[in-house]
Amino acid sequence: MKKNVIMGIGIILALWLILELAGINSSYVIPNVVEWTIKFILPWIFLYWLIRLTKSLEKHR
């Protein structure tokens, strides 16, 4: 668990550094990417796991 947190922080810092070196305003890009992910990616992930749960519950009946 601790290793995953450290790797996540490292990836975020590397992304921030790369964006700054490329001249991209990271204070604008990162919140927009997070917002886009929450709006479009997470609902599909939730739907996938909901369907798996439903199939699992039906299989046990």
C-alpha atoms as a PDB file:
ATOM      1  CA  MET A   1       0.000   0.000   0.000  1.00  0.00           C
ATOM      2  CA  LYS A   2       2.721   2.435   0.951  1.00  0.00           C
ATOM      3  CA  LYS A   3       4.613   1.587  -2.240  1.00  0.00           C
ATOM      4  CA  ASN A   4       1.555   2.450  -4.357  1.00  0.00           C
ATOM      5  CA  VAL A   5       1.160   5.826  -2.674  1.00  0.00           C
ATOM      6  CA  ILE A   6       4.817   6.671  -3.237  1.00  0.00           C
ATOM      7  CA  MET A   7       4.593   5.605  -6.895  1.00  0.00           C
ATOM      8  CA  GLY A   8       1.427   7.662  -7.382  1.00  0.00           C
ATOM      9  CA  ILE A   9       3.051  10.758  -5.919  1.00  0.00           C
ATOM     10  CA  GLY A  10       6.110  10.176  -8.120  1.00  0.00           C
ATOM     11  CA  ILE A  11       3.974   9.886 -11.251  1.00  0.00           C
ATOM     12  CA  ILE A  12       2.073  13.082 -10.404  1.00  0.00           C
ATOM     13  CA  LEU A  13       5.298  14.992  -9.780  1.00  0.00           C
ATOM     14  CA  ALA A  14       6.819  13.687 -13.021  1.00  0.00           C
ATOM     15  CA  LEU A  15       3.699  14.714 -14.960  1.00  0.00           C
ATOM     16  CA  TRP A  16       3.817  18.167 -13.396  1.00  0.00           C
ATOM     17  CA  LEU A  17       7.513  18.531 -14.260  1.00  0.00           C
ATOM     18  CA  ILE A  18       7.020  17.386 -17.859  1.00  0.00           C
ATOM     19  CA  LEU A  19       4.121  19.803 -18.351  1.00  0.00           C
ATOM     20  CA  GLU A  20       6.162  22.688 -16.932  1.00  0.00           C
ATOM     21  CA  LEU A  21       9.135  21.866 -19.150  1.00  0.00           C
ATOM     22  CA  ALA A  22       6.858  21.758 -22.198  1.00  0.00           C
ATOM     23  CA  GLY A  23       5.505  25.199 -21.337  1.00  0.00           C
ATOM     24  CA  ILE A  24       1.987  23.969 -20.580  1.00  0.00           C
ATOM     25  CA  ASN A  25       0.093  25.584 -17.718  1.00  0.00           C
ATOM     26  CA  SER A  26      -0.355  22.598 -15.394  1.00  0.00           C
ATOM     27  CA  SER A  27      -2.696  24.492 -13.067  1.00  0.00           C
ATOM     28  CA  TYR A  28      -5.165  24.572 -15.978  1.00  0.00           C
ATOM     29  CA  VAL A  29      -4.545  21.176 -17.600  1.00  0.00           C
ATOM     30  CA  ILE A  30      -4.545  18.872 -14.565  1.00  0.00           C
ATOM     31  CA  PRO A  31      -7.923  20.000 -13.108  1.00  0.00           C
ATOM     32  CA  ASN A  32      -9.499  19.741 -16.567  1.00  0.00           C
ATOM     33  CA  VAL A  33      -8.137  16.217 -17.048  1.00  0.00           C
ATOM     34  CA  VAL A  34      -9.439  15.192 -13.611  1.00  0.00           C
ATOM     35  CA  GLU A  35     -12.847  16.710 -14.389  1.00  0.00           C
ATOM     36  CA  TRP A  36     -13.010  14.934 -17.759  1.00  0.00           C
ATOM     37  CA  THR A  37     -12.071  11.626 -16.141  1.00  0.00           C
ATOM     38  CA  ILE A  38     -14.751  11.997 -13.487  1.00  0.00           C
ATOM     39  CA  LYS A  39     -17.408  12.900 -16.067  1.00  0.00           C
ATOM     40  CA  PHE A  40     -16.662  10.330 -18.767  1.00  0.00           C
ATOM     41  CA  ILE A  41     -14.438   7.499 -17.523  1.00  0.00           C
ATOM     42  CA  LEU A  42     -15.625   6.776 -13.970  1.00  0.00           C
ATOM     43  CA  PRO A  43     -19.304   6.238 -14.911  1.00  0.00           C
ATOM     44  CA  TRP A  44     -18.277   3.499 -17.350  1.00  0.00           C
ATOM     45  CA  ILE A  45     -16.088   1.850 -14.717  1.00  0.00           C
ATOM     46  CA  PHE A  46     -18.977   2.008 -12.240  1.00  0.00           C
ATOM     47  CA  LEU A  47     -21.365   0.546 -14.812  1.00  0.00           C
ATOM     48  CA  TYR A  48     -18.931  -2.296 -15.596  1.00  0.00           C
ATOM     49  CA  TRP A  49     -18.649  -3.292 -11.915  1.00  0.00           C
ATOM     50  CA  LEU A  50     -22.404  -2.936 -11.395  1.00  0.00           C
ATOM     51  CA  ILE A  51     -23.042  -5.355 -14.274  1.00  0.00           C
ATOM     52  CA  ARG A  52     -20.478  -7.799 -12.846  1.00  0.00           C
ATOM     53  CA  LEU A  53     -22.159  -7.596  -9.438  1.00  0.00           C
ATOM     54  CA  THR A  54     -25.570  -8.244 -10.987  1.00  0.00           C
ATOM     55  CA  LYS A  55     -24.293 -11.266 -12.923  1.00  0.00           C
ATOM     56  CA  SER A  56     -22.600 -12.611  -9.808  1.00  0.00           C
ATOM     57  CA  LEU A  57     -25.751 -12.254  -7.738  1.00  0.00           C
ATOM     58  CA  GLU A  58     -27.855 -13.928 -10.441  1.00  0.00           C
ATOM     59  CA  LYS A  59     -25.401 -16.808 -10.689  1.00  0.00           C
ATOM     60  CA  HIS A  60     -25.674 -17.555  -6.962  1.00  0.00           C
ATOM     61  CA  ARG A  61     -29.465 -17.784  -6.998  1.00  0.00           C
END
